[in-house]
Amino acid sequence: MIGTAINVTLVLIGLAMSLSLWRLFRGPDVVDRVIAIDMLYVNACAMLLVYGIRAETALHFEAALIIAMLGFLSTAAFARFLLRGDIIE
């Protein structure tokens, strides 16, 4: 039962990632594209976590943590660039 739930979850997360990619390429605005990239890294973290549960390894959890930290920093830097025009003062 748990195996089926994990497989369904992986498919649904993959669907969410494909919809985020569609918004990334078709987004009418830069802000829409930034939100799509943000959703892509959140979905990638979720997919790694679910796959880590399926494979029963701790390595996937560490990789998801690294992706989450880098994704947050890149989103914050890009938002600062959009607001002020520079990242480092």
Protein backbone atom coordinates (compact mmCIF):
# COMPACT_ATOMS: atom_id res chain seq x y z
CA MET A 1 0.00 0.00 0.00
CA ILE A 2 2.79 2.42 0.91
CA GLY A 3 4.64 1.59 -2.31
CA THR A 4 1.61 2.52 -4.38
CA ALA A 5 1.18 5.79 -2.50
CA ILE A 6 4.84 6.66 -3.05
CA ASN A 7 4.60 5.91 -6.78
CA VAL A 8 1.44 8.04 -7.12
CA THR A 9 3.15 10.85 -5.21
CA LEU A 10 6.16 10.73 -7.51
CA VAL A 11 3.92 10.93 -10.57
CA LEU A 12 1.99 13.88 -9.15
CA ILE A 13 5.18 15.74 -8.22
CA GLY A 14 6.46 15.09 -11.76
CA LEU A 15 3.22 16.58 -13.11
CA ALA A 16 3.69 19.64 -10.90
CA MET A 17 7.25 20.00 -12.19
CA SER A 18 6.08 19.81 -15.79
CA LEU A 19 3.46 22.50 -15.14
CA SER A 20 6.14 24.68 -13.56
CA LEU A 21 8.33 24.20 -16.62
CA TRP A 22 5.41 25.22 -18.82
CA ARG A 23 5.00 28.43 -16.77
CA LEU A 24 8.76 29.02 -16.95
CA PHE A 25 8.74 28.94 -20.75
CA ARG A 26 5.36 30.59 -21.33
CA GLY A 27 5.36 33.10 -18.48
CA PRO A 28 4.38 36.55 -19.69
CA ASP A 29 6.45 38.29 -17.03
CA VAL A 30 9.82 37.92 -15.31
CA VAL A 31 8.10 37.53 -11.95
CA ASP A 32 6.12 34.55 -13.27
CA ARG A 33 9.36 32.93 -14.37
CA VAL A 34 10.99 33.50 -10.97
CA ILE A 35 8.00 31.91 -9.24
CA ALA A 36 8.19 28.97 -11.67
CA ILE A 37 11.87 28.44 -10.84
CA ASP A 38 11.02 28.65 -7.15
CA MET A 39 8.34 25.99 -7.58
CA LEU A 40 10.75 23.82 -9.54
CA TYR A 41 13.27 23.65 -6.73
CA VAL A 42 10.54 23.05 -4.15
CA ASN A 43 9.19 20.20 -6.26
CA ALA A 44 12.70 18.83 -6.78
CA CYS A 45 13.21 18.78 -3.01
CA ALA A 46 9.88 17.02 -2.52
CA MET A 47 10.71 14.46 -5.21
CA LEU A 48 14.09 13.73 -3.64
CA LEU A 49 12.51 13.32 -0.22
CA VAL A 50 9.86 10.92 -1.48
CA TYR A 51 12.44 8.96 -3.46
CA GLY A 52 14.65 8.85 -0.35
CA ILE A 53 11.76 7.32 1.58
CA ARG A 54 11.27 4.79 -1.21
CA ALA A 55 14.97 3.88 -1.43
CA GLU A 56 15.48 4.06 2.37
CA THR A 57 18.71 6.06 2.13
CA ALA A 58 19.75 9.20 3.97
CA LEU A 59 21.75 10.59 1.06
CA HIS A 60 18.66 11.86 -0.71
CA PHE A 61 17.62 13.87 2.36
CA GLU A 62 20.97 15.65 2.45
CA ALA A 63 20.76 16.42 -1.26
CA ALA A 64 17.24 17.85 -0.79
CA LEU A 65 18.53 20.07 2.02
CA ILE A 66 21.34 21.41 -0.18
CA ILE A 67 18.92 22.08 -3.05
CA ALA A 68 16.56 23.89 -0.67
CA MET A 69 19.32 26.14 0.68
CA LEU A 70 20.69 27.00 -2.76
CA GLY A 71 17.20 27.57 -4.13
CA PHE A 72 16.30 29.96 -1.34
CA LEU A 73 19.51 31.93 -1.79
CA SER A 74 19.07 32.18 -5.54
CA THR A 75 15.45 33.31 -5.20
CA ALA A 76 16.42 35.96 -2.64
CA ALA A 77 19.29 37.19 -4.82
CA PHE A 78 17.13 37.39 -7.93
CA ALA A 79 14.37 39.23 -6.05
CA ARG A 80 16.93 41.73 -4.78
CA PHE A 81 18.25 42.16 -8.31
CA LEU A 82 14.74 42.83 -9.63
CA LEU A 83 14.04 45.38 -6.90
CA ARG A 84 17.33 47.29 -6.79
CA GLY A 85 19.22 46.45 -9.97
CA ASP A 86 22.23 45.05 -8.13
CA ILE A 87 22.90 42.20 -5.74
CA ILE A 88 25.94 43.45 -3.84
CA GLU A 89 25.95 46.99 -2.53
